[in-house]
Amino acid sequence: MTAALNVGNALSVVVASAVLPFLPLLPAHLVLRSVLFSVAALALPFDRVEPGWTVRPRGWDTRGMLRFMAVLGPLCSVFDLLTFWAVWRHLGLDTPEEGGVPGRLVRRGRALAGTGAAPAAHPGRPARAVLVTVAAVVVTGVALPFTPVAPLFGMAAPPAAVWPLLLAVVPPFLLCAAATRSLYLRHVLGIRPADKE
């Protein structure tokens, strides 16, 4: 998941830098997102294991991971670019001065929601530790622009019009992440519904 999101971040920044009049994501935002994602990942050892995963011994599947990254990474980038474009065009933030900070804020919100994509996309029941940790990280990320430390990361409180946009972008992203995960379990790892009974 981390590798896939990093691929998506790289694609988003490269494409957006070529077509937008502002840089939508600063290095400090990438580092902050990585730190928050790593905190959320600390709870993963407490998560439930897919029943189908324990049916037989398994080796480390590098090719399967690469296939997962090749799908989810660009998918994340598509949602990033849609968000950048909507902020730039539909919210009227169409100058470098206006677009920079709000664009980064919306991107931060989408990325932070993406931090919860793995447990949110879980077809079963994630462990409570995972849900609590991911919820705490997402709340922290959403609250950061409203705190005194926000200027240290080049952040500011977003305009009210940003929140409906996030509500329009985040649920489809989570649904796509869930579908990608389900396909990965079934067609790459070979875990089928019958294995879960």
N, C-alpha and C. Protein backbone atom coordinates (compact mmCIF):
# COMPACT_ATOMS: atom_id res chain seq x y z
N MET A 1 0.84 -1.20 0.00
CA MET A 1 0.00 0.00 0.00
C MET A 1 0.88 1.25 0.00
N THR A 2 1.92 1.25 0.84
CA THR A 2 2.81 2.40 0.91
C THR A 2 3.50 2.64 -0.43
N ALA A 3 4.01 1.56 -1.02
CA ALA A 3 4.71 1.69 -2.29
C ALA A 3 3.76 2.19 -3.38
N ALA A 4 2.53 1.67 -3.39
CA ALA A 4 1.55 2.09 -4.40
C ALA A 4 1.22 3.57 -4.25
N LEU A 5 1.03 4.03 -3.01
CA LEU A 5 0.73 5.44 -2.80
C LEU A 5 1.91 6.33 -3.17
N ASN A 6 3.13 5.85 -2.92
CA ASN A 6 4.30 6.63 -3.32
C ASN A 6 4.40 6.74 -4.83
N VAL A 7 4.08 5.66 -5.54
CA VAL A 7 4.05 5.72 -7.00
C VAL A 7 3.01 6.74 -7.45
N GLY A 8 1.83 6.70 -6.83
CA GLY A 8 0.78 7.66 -7.17
C GLY A 8 1.20 9.09 -6.90
N ASN A 9 1.87 9.33 -5.76
CA ASN A 9 2.34 10.69 -5.44
C ASN A 9 3.31 11.19 -6.50
N ALA A 10 4.25 10.33 -6.88
CA ALA A 10 5.24 10.73 -7.88
C ALA A 10 4.58 11.08 -9.21
N LEU A 11 3.66 10.23 -9.66
CA LEU A 11 2.96 10.51 -10.92
C LEU A 11 2.17 11.80 -10.84
N SER A 12 1.50 12.01 -9.71
CA SER A 12 0.67 13.21 -9.54
C SER A 12 1.51 14.47 -9.62
N VAL A 13 2.64 14.48 -8.92
CA VAL A 13 3.48 15.67 -8.90
C VAL A 13 4.08 15.94 -10.27
N VAL A 14 4.53 14.88 -10.95
CA VAL A 14 5.14 15.07 -12.28
C VAL A 14 4.12 15.64 -13.27
N VAL A 15 2.93 15.01 -13.32
CA VAL A 15 1.92 15.47 -14.28
C VAL A 15 1.42 16.86 -13.91
N ALA A 16 1.11 17.09 -12.62
CA ALA A 16 0.58 18.38 -12.20
C ALA A 16 1.59 19.50 -12.42
N SER A 17 2.87 19.20 -12.21
CA SER A 17 3.90 20.23 -12.42
C SER A 17 3.97 20.67 -13.88
N ALA A 18 3.59 19.76 -14.77
CA ALA A 18 3.66 20.08 -16.20
C ALA A 18 2.46 20.87 -16.69
N VAL A 19 1.31 20.75 -15.99
CA VAL A 19 0.10 21.37 -16.52
C VAL A 19 -0.51 22.44 -15.62
N LEU A 20 -0.11 22.51 -14.37
CA LEU A 20 -0.69 23.50 -13.46
C LEU A 20 0.26 24.67 -13.24
N PRO A 21 -0.28 25.86 -12.92
CA PRO A 21 0.59 27.02 -12.69
C PRO A 21 1.10 27.09 -11.25
N PHE A 22 0.93 26.02 -10.48
CA PHE A 22 1.44 25.99 -9.12
C PHE A 22 1.87 24.57 -8.79
N LEU A 23 2.75 24.44 -7.79
CA LEU A 23 3.19 23.12 -7.34
C LEU A 23 2.20 22.64 -6.29
N PRO A 24 1.46 21.57 -6.57
CA PRO A 24 0.37 21.17 -5.67
C PRO A 24 0.82 20.46 -4.40
N LEU A 25 2.05 20.02 -4.35
CA LEU A 25 2.51 19.25 -3.20
C LEU A 25 3.99 19.55 -2.96
N LEU A 26 4.30 19.97 -1.74
CA LEU A 26 5.68 20.29 -1.38
C LEU A 26 6.35 19.08 -0.73
N PRO A 27 7.69 19.05 -0.71
CA PRO A 27 8.39 17.95 -0.05
C PRO A 27 7.96 17.75 1.41
N ALA A 28 7.69 18.85 2.11
CA ALA A 28 7.26 18.74 3.51
C ALA A 28 5.95 17.98 3.62
N HIS A 29 5.07 18.14 2.63
CA HIS A 29 3.79 17.42 2.66
C HIS A 29 3.99 15.93 2.42
N LEU A 30 4.91 15.59 1.54
CA LEU A 30 5.20 14.18 1.29
C LEU A 30 5.77 13.52 2.54
N VAL A 31 6.68 14.23 3.21
CA VAL A 31 7.27 13.67 4.44
C VAL A 31 6.21 13.53 5.52
N LEU A 32 5.37 14.55 5.68
CA LEU A 32 4.33 14.50 6.69
C LEU A 32 3.36 13.35 6.41
N ARG A 33 2.96 13.19 5.15
CA ARG A 33 2.06 12.10 4.80
C ARG A 33 2.70 10.75 5.10
N SER A 34 3.98 10.62 4.78
CA SER A 34 4.68 9.36 5.03
C SER A 34 4.75 9.04 6.52
N VAL A 35 5.00 10.07 7.33
CA VAL A 35 5.06 9.86 8.78
C VAL A 35 3.70 9.42 9.31
N LEU A 36 2.64 10.11 8.88
CA LEU A 36 1.30 9.76 9.35
C LEU A 36 0.90 8.37 8.88
N PHE A 37 1.23 8.05 7.63
CA PHE A 37 0.90 6.72 7.12
C PHE A 37 1.66 5.65 7.90
N SER A 38 2.92 5.93 8.25
CA SER A 38 3.72 4.97 9.01
C SER A 38 3.13 4.74 10.40
N VAL A 39 2.62 5.81 11.01
CA VAL A 39 1.97 5.66 12.32
C VAL A 39 0.75 4.76 12.18
N ALA A 40 -0.05 4.97 11.13
CA ALA A 40 -1.22 4.12 10.92
C ALA A 40 -0.81 2.67 10.69
N ALA A 41 0.30 2.48 9.99
CA ALA A 41 0.76 1.12 9.68
C ALA A 41 1.25 0.37 10.91
N LEU A 42 1.59 1.09 11.99
CA LEU A 42 2.04 0.43 13.20
C LEU A 42 0.98 -0.51 13.78
N ALA A 43 -0.28 -0.25 13.45
CA ALA A 43 -1.36 -1.10 13.98
C ALA A 43 -1.58 -2.36 13.15
N LEU A 44 -0.98 -2.46 11.97
CA LEU A 44 -1.25 -3.59 11.10
C LEU A 44 -0.88 -4.95 11.69
N PRO A 45 0.17 -5.07 12.52
CA PRO A 45 0.44 -6.38 13.12
C PRO A 45 -0.71 -6.90 14.00
N PHE A 46 -1.60 -6.02 14.42
CA PHE A 46 -2.72 -6.43 15.25
C PHE A 46 -3.96 -6.75 14.42
N ASP A 47 -3.87 -6.62 13.09
CA ASP A 47 -5.04 -6.84 12.24
C ASP A 47 -5.32 -8.34 12.09
N ARG A 48 -6.53 -8.64 11.66
CA ARG A 48 -6.91 -10.02 11.38
C ARG A 48 -6.30 -10.46 10.05
N VAL A 49 -5.89 -11.69 9.97
CA VAL A 49 -5.32 -12.24 8.74
C VAL A 49 -6.45 -12.84 7.91
N GLU A 50 -6.38 -12.63 6.59
CA GLU A 50 -7.37 -13.24 5.71
C GLU A 50 -7.35 -14.76 5.92
N PRO A 51 -8.52 -15.38 6.16
CA PRO A 51 -8.53 -16.84 6.38
C PRO A 51 -7.87 -17.62 5.25
N GLY A 52 -8.09 -17.18 4.02
CA GLY A 52 -7.50 -17.89 2.88
C GLY A 52 -5.99 -17.81 2.83
N TRP A 53 -5.42 -16.87 3.55
CA TRP A 53 -3.96 -16.71 3.52
C TRP A 53 -3.26 -17.81 4.29
N THR A 54 -3.95 -18.42 5.25
CA THR A 54 -3.31 -19.41 6.12
C THR A 54 -3.61 -20.85 5.70
N VAL A 55 -4.26 -21.02 4.56
CA VAL A 55 -4.61 -22.37 4.11
C VAL A 55 -3.35 -23.17 3.77
N ARG A 56 -2.35 -22.53 3.20
CA ARG A 56 -1.11 -23.22 2.81
C ARG A 56 0.07 -22.27 3.00
N PRO A 57 1.28 -22.81 3.12
CA PRO A 57 2.46 -21.94 3.24
C PRO A 57 2.63 -21.09 1.98
N ARG A 58 3.10 -19.86 2.17
CA ARG A 58 3.26 -18.94 1.03
C ARG A 58 4.63 -18.29 1.07
N GLY A 59 5.16 -18.02 -0.12
CA GLY A 59 6.42 -17.29 -0.23
C GLY A 59 6.15 -15.81 -0.46
N TRP A 60 7.22 -15.04 -0.46
CA TRP A 60 7.13 -13.60 -0.71
C TRP A 60 6.89 -13.37 -2.19
N ASP A 61 5.77 -12.72 -2.54
CA ASP A 61 5.36 -12.57 -3.94
C ASP A 61 5.68 -11.16 -4.44
N THR A 62 6.92 -10.96 -4.88
CA THR A 62 7.34 -9.64 -5.36
C THR A 62 6.58 -9.23 -6.61
N ARG A 63 6.37 -10.17 -7.53
CA ARG A 63 5.66 -9.83 -8.77
C ARG A 63 4.22 -9.41 -8.48
N GLY A 64 3.59 -10.08 -7.54
CA GLY A 64 2.23 -9.72 -7.18
C GLY A 64 2.16 -8.32 -6.60
N MET A 65 3.15 -7.96 -5.79
CA MET A 65 3.19 -6.61 -5.22
C MET A 65 3.37 -5.57 -6.31
N LEU A 66 4.23 -5.88 -7.28
CA LEU A 66 4.45 -4.94 -8.38
C LEU A 66 3.17 -4.74 -9.18
N ARG A 67 2.41 -5.81 -9.39
CA ARG A 67 1.14 -5.68 -10.11
C ARG A 67 0.15 -4.82 -9.32
N PHE A 68 0.13 -4.99 -8.00
CA PHE A 68 -0.74 -4.18 -7.15
C PHE A 68 -0.35 -2.70 -7.25
N MET A 69 0.96 -2.42 -7.19
CA MET A 69 1.45 -1.05 -7.31
C MET A 69 1.12 -0.46 -8.67
N ALA A 70 1.23 -1.27 -9.71
CA ALA A 70 0.99 -0.78 -11.07
C ALA A 70 -0.46 -0.40 -11.29
N VAL A 71 -1.37 -0.95 -10.48
CA VAL A 71 -2.78 -0.61 -10.60
C VAL A 71 -3.17 0.51 -9.64
N LEU A 72 -2.86 0.32 -8.35
CA LEU A 72 -3.31 1.28 -7.35
C LEU A 72 -2.57 2.61 -7.43
N GLY A 73 -1.28 2.58 -7.78
CA GLY A 73 -0.52 3.83 -7.89
C GLY A 73 -1.12 4.81 -8.89
N PRO A 74 -1.28 4.41 -10.16
CA PRO A 74 -1.92 5.29 -11.13
C PRO A 74 -3.36 5.65 -10.76
N LEU A 75 -4.08 4.71 -10.12
CA LEU A 75 -5.45 5.01 -9.70
C LEU A 75 -5.46 6.17 -8.69
N CYS A 76 -4.54 6.12 -7.72
CA CYS A 76 -4.42 7.23 -6.76
C CYS A 76 -4.10 8.53 -7.49
N SER A 77 -3.22 8.44 -8.47
CA SER A 77 -2.82 9.63 -9.22
C SER A 77 -4.00 10.23 -9.97
N VAL A 78 -4.86 9.39 -10.54
CA VAL A 78 -6.05 9.89 -11.25
C VAL A 78 -6.92 10.71 -10.31
N PHE A 79 -7.15 10.22 -9.10
CA PHE A 79 -7.97 10.96 -8.14
C PHE A 79 -7.26 12.24 -7.69
N ASP A 80 -5.94 12.18 -7.55
CA ASP A 80 -5.18 13.40 -7.22
C ASP A 80 -5.39 14.46 -8.29
N LEU A 81 -5.20 14.07 -9.54
CA LEU A 81 -5.27 15.03 -10.64
C LEU A 81 -6.68 15.58 -10.81
N LEU A 82 -7.70 14.73 -10.60
CA LEU A 82 -9.08 15.23 -10.63
C LEU A 82 -9.30 16.28 -9.55
N THR A 83 -8.74 16.03 -8.37
CA THR A 83 -8.88 16.98 -7.27
C THR A 83 -8.17 18.28 -7.58
N PHE A 84 -6.93 18.19 -8.08
CA PHE A 84 -6.19 19.41 -8.45
C PHE A 84 -7.00 20.22 -9.45
N TRP A 85 -7.50 19.54 -10.47
CA TRP A 85 -8.21 20.21 -11.55
C TRP A 85 -9.47 20.89 -11.02
N ALA A 86 -10.22 20.19 -10.16
CA ALA A 86 -11.46 20.75 -9.61
C ALA A 86 -11.17 21.99 -8.77
N VAL A 87 -10.12 21.93 -7.96
CA VAL A 87 -9.76 23.10 -7.14
C VAL A 87 -9.36 24.26 -8.04
N TRP A 88 -8.59 23.94 -9.05
CA TRP A 88 -8.05 24.99 -9.91
C TRP A 88 -9.14 25.65 -10.75
N ARG A 89 -10.04 24.84 -11.31
CA ARG A 89 -11.04 25.38 -12.24
C ARG A 89 -12.39 25.69 -11.60
N HIS A 90 -12.92 24.74 -10.86
CA HIS A 90 -14.30 24.87 -10.38
C HIS A 90 -14.45 25.68 -9.11
N LEU A 91 -13.39 25.80 -8.33
CA LEU A 91 -13.47 26.62 -7.12
C LEU A 91 -12.94 28.02 -7.37
N GLY A 92 -12.57 28.30 -8.59
CA GLY A 92 -12.11 29.64 -8.93
C GLY A 92 -10.72 29.97 -8.44
N LEU A 93 -9.97 28.95 -8.02
CA LEU A 93 -8.60 29.18 -7.53
C LEU A 93 -7.65 28.96 -8.70
N ASP A 94 -7.71 29.90 -9.66
CA ASP A 94 -7.05 29.65 -10.93
C ASP A 94 -5.80 30.51 -11.15
N THR A 95 -5.20 30.99 -10.08
CA THR A 95 -3.92 31.69 -10.21
C THR A 95 -2.92 30.99 -9.31
N PRO A 96 -1.61 31.14 -9.56
CA PRO A 96 -0.62 30.50 -8.70
C PRO A 96 -0.79 30.90 -7.24
N GLU A 97 -1.13 32.18 -6.98
CA GLU A 97 -1.25 32.63 -5.60
C GLU A 97 -2.44 31.98 -4.92
N GLU A 98 -3.56 31.83 -5.66
CA GLU A 98 -4.76 31.24 -5.07
C GLU A 98 -4.68 29.73 -5.05
N GLY A 99 -4.16 29.15 -6.11
CA GLY A 99 -4.22 27.72 -6.27
C GLY A 99 -3.27 26.94 -5.39
N GLY A 100 -2.12 27.51 -5.06
CA GLY A 100 -1.10 26.75 -4.35
C GLY A 100 -1.54 26.18 -3.04
N VAL A 101 -1.90 27.02 -2.10
CA VAL A 101 -2.22 26.54 -0.76
C VAL A 101 -3.49 25.70 -0.75
N PRO A 102 -4.62 26.16 -1.32
CA PRO A 102 -5.81 25.30 -1.31
C PRO A 102 -5.60 23.99 -2.05
N GLY A 103 -4.87 24.04 -3.15
CA GLY A 103 -4.62 22.80 -3.88
C GLY A 103 -3.88 21.79 -3.03
N ARG A 104 -2.90 22.27 -2.28
CA ARG A 104 -2.16 21.37 -1.40
C ARG A 104 -3.04 20.86 -0.28
N LEU A 105 -3.92 21.73 0.21
CA LEU A 105 -4.80 21.32 1.30
C LEU A 105 -5.76 20.22 0.86
N VAL A 106 -6.34 20.39 -0.32
CA VAL A 106 -7.24 19.36 -0.82
C VAL A 106 -6.47 18.07 -1.03
N ARG A 107 -5.27 18.18 -1.58
CA ARG A 107 -4.45 16.99 -1.80
C ARG A 107 -4.14 16.30 -0.47
N ARG A 108 -3.87 17.11 0.54
CA ARG A 108 -3.59 16.54 1.86
C ARG A 108 -4.80 15.78 2.36
N GLY A 109 -5.97 16.35 2.20
CA GLY A 109 -7.18 15.67 2.66
C GLY A 109 -7.39 14.36 1.95
N ARG A 110 -7.18 14.33 0.63
CA ARG A 110 -7.35 13.11 -0.14
C ARG A 110 -6.31 12.07 0.26
N ALA A 111 -5.07 12.54 0.45
CA ALA A 111 -4.02 11.60 0.81
C ALA A 111 -4.25 11.01 2.19
N LEU A 112 -4.74 11.85 3.11
CA LEU A 112 -4.99 11.37 4.46
C LEU A 112 -6.16 10.40 4.47
N ALA A 113 -7.17 10.67 3.68
CA ALA A 113 -8.27 9.70 3.57
C ALA A 113 -7.73 8.40 2.97
N GLY A 114 -6.78 8.55 2.02
CA GLY A 114 -6.16 7.38 1.43
C GLY A 114 -5.38 6.57 2.45
N THR A 115 -4.91 7.21 3.52
CA THR A 115 -4.22 6.50 4.58
C THR A 115 -5.12 5.42 5.16
N GLY A 116 -6.41 5.70 5.19
CA GLY A 116 -7.36 4.71 5.71
C GLY A 116 -7.89 3.77 4.66
N ALA A 117 -7.35 3.82 3.44
CA ALA A 117 -7.92 3.02 2.36
C ALA A 117 -7.80 1.53 2.64
N ALA A 118 -6.66 1.08 3.17
CA ALA A 118 -6.48 -0.35 3.39
C ALA A 118 -7.52 -0.91 4.35
N PRO A 119 -7.65 -0.35 5.57
CA PRO A 119 -8.69 -0.90 6.44
C PRO A 119 -10.10 -0.59 5.96
N ALA A 120 -10.31 0.57 5.34
CA ALA A 120 -11.65 0.90 4.87
C ALA A 120 -12.06 -0.03 3.73
N ALA A 121 -11.07 -0.50 2.97
CA ALA A 121 -11.36 -1.39 1.85
C ALA A 121 -11.41 -2.86 2.27
N HIS A 122 -11.20 -3.13 3.54
CA HIS A 122 -11.17 -4.49 4.07
C HIS A 122 -12.53 -5.15 3.86
N PRO A 123 -12.58 -6.29 3.16
CA PRO A 123 -13.88 -6.93 2.93
C PRO A 123 -14.45 -7.59 4.17
N GLY A 124 -13.60 -7.86 5.16
CA GLY A 124 -14.04 -8.44 6.40
C GLY A 124 -14.14 -7.37 7.48
N ARG A 125 -13.68 -7.72 8.69
CA ARG A 125 -13.74 -6.78 9.80
C ARG A 125 -12.32 -6.48 10.26
N PRO A 126 -11.82 -5.26 10.02
CA PRO A 126 -10.49 -4.91 10.52
C PRO A 126 -10.48 -4.95 12.04
N ALA A 127 -9.31 -5.21 12.60
CA ALA A 127 -9.17 -5.22 14.05
C ALA A 127 -9.42 -3.82 14.60
N ARG A 128 -9.87 -3.75 15.84
CA ARG A 128 -10.18 -2.46 16.46
C ARG A 128 -8.94 -1.56 16.50
N ALA A 129 -7.77 -2.14 16.76
CA ALA A 129 -6.55 -1.34 16.82
C ALA A 129 -6.29 -0.62 15.50
N VAL A 130 -6.57 -1.29 14.39
CA VAL A 130 -6.37 -0.69 13.08
C VAL A 130 -7.35 0.46 12.86
N LEU A 131 -8.62 0.21 13.17
CA LEU A 131 -9.64 1.25 12.98
C LEU A 131 -9.35 2.48 13.83
N VAL A 132 -8.99 2.27 15.09
CA VAL A 132 -8.73 3.40 15.99
C VAL A 132 -7.51 4.19 15.53
N THR A 133 -6.44 3.49 15.17
CA THR A 133 -5.21 4.17 14.75
C THR A 133 -5.41 4.95 13.47
N VAL A 134 -6.06 4.34 12.48
CA VAL A 134 -6.30 5.02 11.21
C VAL A 134 -7.21 6.23 11.42
N ALA A 135 -8.26 6.07 12.22
CA ALA A 135 -9.16 7.20 12.50
C ALA A 135 -8.41 8.34 13.16
N ALA A 136 -7.52 8.02 14.11
CA ALA A 136 -6.75 9.06 14.79
C ALA A 136 -5.83 9.79 13.81
N VAL A 137 -5.22 9.04 12.89
CA VAL A 137 -4.32 9.66 11.91
C VAL A 137 -5.09 10.56 10.95
N VAL A 138 -6.25 10.10 10.48
CA VAL A 138 -7.05 10.91 9.57
C VAL A 138 -7.53 12.18 10.25
N VAL A 139 -8.01 12.06 11.49
CA VAL A 139 -8.46 13.25 12.24
C VAL A 139 -7.29 14.22 12.44
N THR A 140 -6.12 13.69 12.77
CA THR A 140 -4.93 14.54 12.94
C THR A 140 -4.61 15.29 11.66
N GLY A 141 -4.64 14.57 10.53
CA GLY A 141 -4.33 15.20 9.25
C GLY A 141 -5.33 16.28 8.86
N VAL A 142 -6.61 16.02 9.10
CA VAL A 142 -7.64 17.00 8.76
C VAL A 142 -7.53 18.22 9.66
N ALA A 143 -7.15 18.00 10.92
CA ALA A 143 -7.08 19.10 11.89
C ALA A 143 -5.82 19.95 11.73
N LEU A 144 -4.77 19.39 11.16
CA LEU A 144 -3.49 20.09 11.09
C LEU A 144 -3.57 21.49 10.48
N PRO A 145 -4.29 21.71 9.39
CA PRO A 145 -4.34 23.06 8.80
C PRO A 145 -4.94 24.11 9.72
N PHE A 146 -5.63 23.69 10.77
CA PHE A 146 -6.27 24.63 11.69
C PHE A 146 -5.45 24.87 12.96
N THR A 147 -4.26 24.26 13.03
CA THR A 147 -3.44 24.37 14.23
C THR A 147 -2.31 25.39 14.03
N PRO A 148 -1.67 25.82 15.13
CA PRO A 148 -0.55 26.78 15.01
C PRO A 148 0.66 26.25 14.26
N VAL A 149 0.78 24.91 14.12
CA VAL A 149 1.94 24.36 13.40
C VAL A 149 1.73 24.32 11.90
N ALA A 150 0.52 24.64 11.43
CA ALA A 150 0.22 24.58 10.00
C ALA A 150 1.20 25.37 9.13
N PRO A 151 1.57 26.62 9.53
CA PRO A 151 2.50 27.38 8.68
C PRO A 151 3.86 26.70 8.51
N LEU A 152 4.27 25.88 9.47
CA LEU A 152 5.55 25.18 9.34
C LEU A 152 5.55 24.23 8.15
N PHE A 153 4.36 23.75 7.77
CA PHE A 153 4.24 22.82 6.64
C PHE A 153 3.67 23.51 5.41
N GLY A 154 3.59 24.84 5.43
CA GLY A 154 3.04 25.56 4.28
C GLY A 154 1.55 25.34 4.12
N MET A 155 0.85 25.16 5.24
CA MET A 155 -0.59 24.88 5.19
C MET A 155 -1.37 26.06 5.76
N ALA A 156 -2.64 26.10 5.39
CA ALA A 156 -3.57 27.10 5.92
C ALA A 156 -4.96 26.48 5.92
N ALA A 157 -5.86 27.06 6.69
CA ALA A 157 -7.23 26.54 6.74
C ALA A 157 -7.87 26.63 5.36
N PRO A 158 -8.50 25.57 4.89
CA PRO A 158 -9.09 25.58 3.55
C PRO A 158 -10.39 26.37 3.52
N PRO A 159 -10.76 26.89 2.35
CA PRO A 159 -12.08 27.54 2.23
C PRO A 159 -13.19 26.51 2.37
N ALA A 160 -14.37 26.97 2.75
CA ALA A 160 -15.49 26.06 3.00
C ALA A 160 -15.85 25.24 1.76
N ALA A 161 -15.62 25.79 0.57
CA ALA A 161 -15.99 25.09 -0.66
C ALA A 161 -15.17 23.83 -0.90
N VAL A 162 -14.07 23.68 -0.18
CA VAL A 162 -13.22 22.51 -0.37
C VAL A 162 -13.87 21.25 0.19
N TRP A 163 -14.63 21.36 1.27
CA TRP A 163 -15.16 20.17 1.94
C TRP A 163 -16.15 19.39 1.08
N PRO A 164 -17.10 20.04 0.39
CA PRO A 164 -17.95 19.25 -0.51
C PRO A 164 -17.16 18.53 -1.60
N LEU A 165 -16.08 19.18 -2.05
CA LEU A 165 -15.24 18.55 -3.05
C LEU A 165 -14.60 17.28 -2.50
N LEU A 166 -14.10 17.35 -1.27
CA LEU A 166 -13.51 16.17 -0.64
C LEU A 166 -14.54 15.05 -0.50
N LEU A 167 -15.76 15.43 -0.12
CA LEU A 167 -16.82 14.43 0.04
C LEU A 167 -17.17 13.78 -1.30
N ALA A 168 -16.96 14.52 -2.38
CA ALA A 168 -17.23 13.96 -3.71
C ALA A 168 -16.10 13.07 -4.21
N VAL A 169 -14.87 13.32 -3.76
CA VAL A 169 -13.71 12.59 -4.28
C VAL A 169 -13.35 11.38 -3.42
N VAL A 170 -13.43 11.51 -2.10
CA VAL A 170 -12.92 10.46 -1.22
C VAL A 170 -13.71 9.16 -1.30
N PRO A 171 -15.06 9.16 -1.23
CA PRO A 171 -15.77 7.87 -1.30
C PRO A 171 -15.50 7.07 -2.57
N PRO A 172 -15.51 7.70 -3.77
CA PRO A 172 -15.16 6.90 -4.96
C PRO A 172 -13.75 6.33 -4.90
N PHE A 173 -12.81 7.10 -4.32
CA PHE A 173 -11.45 6.59 -4.18
C PHE A 173 -11.42 5.34 -3.30
N LEU A 174 -12.13 5.40 -2.16
CA LEU A 174 -12.15 4.26 -1.26
C LEU A 174 -12.81 3.04 -1.91
N LEU A 175 -13.87 3.28 -2.69
CA LEU A 175 -14.52 2.17 -3.39
C LEU A 175 -13.58 1.53 -4.41
N CYS A 176 -12.83 2.37 -5.12
CA CYS A 176 -11.87 1.85 -6.10
C CYS A 176 -10.74 1.09 -5.41
N ALA A 177 -10.29 1.61 -4.26
CA ALA A 177 -9.25 0.92 -3.49
C ALA A 177 -9.76 -0.44 -3.00
N ALA A 178 -11.03 -0.48 -2.56
CA ALA A 178 -11.61 -1.74 -2.11
C ALA A 178 -11.69 -2.75 -3.25
N ALA A 179 -12.09 -2.27 -4.43
CA ALA A 179 -12.19 -3.16 -5.59
C ALA A 179 -10.81 -3.68 -5.99
N THR A 180 -9.81 -2.79 -5.94
CA THR A 180 -8.44 -3.20 -6.29
C THR A 180 -7.94 -4.25 -5.32
N ARG A 181 -8.20 -4.05 -4.05
CA ARG A 181 -7.76 -5.01 -3.04
C ARG A 181 -8.44 -6.36 -3.24
N SER A 182 -9.74 -6.33 -3.52
CA SER A 182 -10.47 -7.57 -3.73
C SER A 182 -9.92 -8.34 -4.92
N LEU A 183 -9.65 -7.63 -6.02
CA LEU A 183 -9.09 -8.27 -7.20
C LEU A 183 -7.70 -8.83 -6.92
N TYR A 184 -6.92 -8.09 -6.13
CA TYR A 184 -5.57 -8.53 -5.76
C TYR A 184 -5.64 -9.83 -4.96
N LEU A 185 -6.55 -9.90 -3.97
CA LEU A 185 -6.69 -11.10 -3.17
C LEU A 185 -7.10 -12.30 -4.03
N ARG A 186 -8.04 -12.05 -4.94
CA ARG A 186 -8.60 -13.17 -5.71
C ARG A 186 -7.69 -13.63 -6.83
N HIS A 187 -7.17 -12.69 -7.62
CA HIS A 187 -6.47 -13.05 -8.85
C HIS A 187 -4.96 -13.09 -8.72
N VAL A 188 -4.40 -12.43 -7.71
CA VAL A 188 -2.94 -12.46 -7.54
C VAL A 188 -2.56 -13.41 -6.42
N LEU A 189 -3.23 -13.29 -5.26
CA LEU A 189 -2.90 -14.16 -4.14
C LEU A 189 -3.66 -15.48 -4.18
N GLY A 190 -4.72 -15.55 -4.99
CA GLY A 190 -5.47 -16.79 -5.11
C GLY A 190 -6.39 -17.07 -3.94
N ILE A 191 -6.77 -16.03 -3.19
CA ILE A 191 -7.71 -16.19 -2.07
C ILE A 191 -9.10 -15.95 -2.62
N ARG A 192 -9.93 -16.99 -2.63
CA ARG A 192 -11.27 -16.90 -3.19
C ARG A 192 -12.31 -16.93 -2.07
N PRO A 193 -13.54 -16.49 -2.38
CA PRO A 193 -14.57 -16.47 -1.33
C PRO A 193 -14.70 -17.79 -0.58
N ALA A 194 -14.50 -18.91 -1.28
CA ALA A 194 -14.63 -20.22 -0.62
C ALA A 194 -13.58 -20.40 0.47
N ASP A 195 -12.42 -19.73 0.29
CA ASP A 195 -11.35 -19.86 1.28
C ASP A 195 -11.71 -19.18 2.59
N LYS A 196 -12.70 -18.27 2.55
CA LYS A 196 -13.03 -17.49 3.73
C LYS A 196 -14.09 -18.15 4.59
N GLU A 197 -14.64 -19.25 4.12
CA GLU A 197 -15.71 -19.93 4.87
C GLU A 197 -15.12 -20.82 5.95
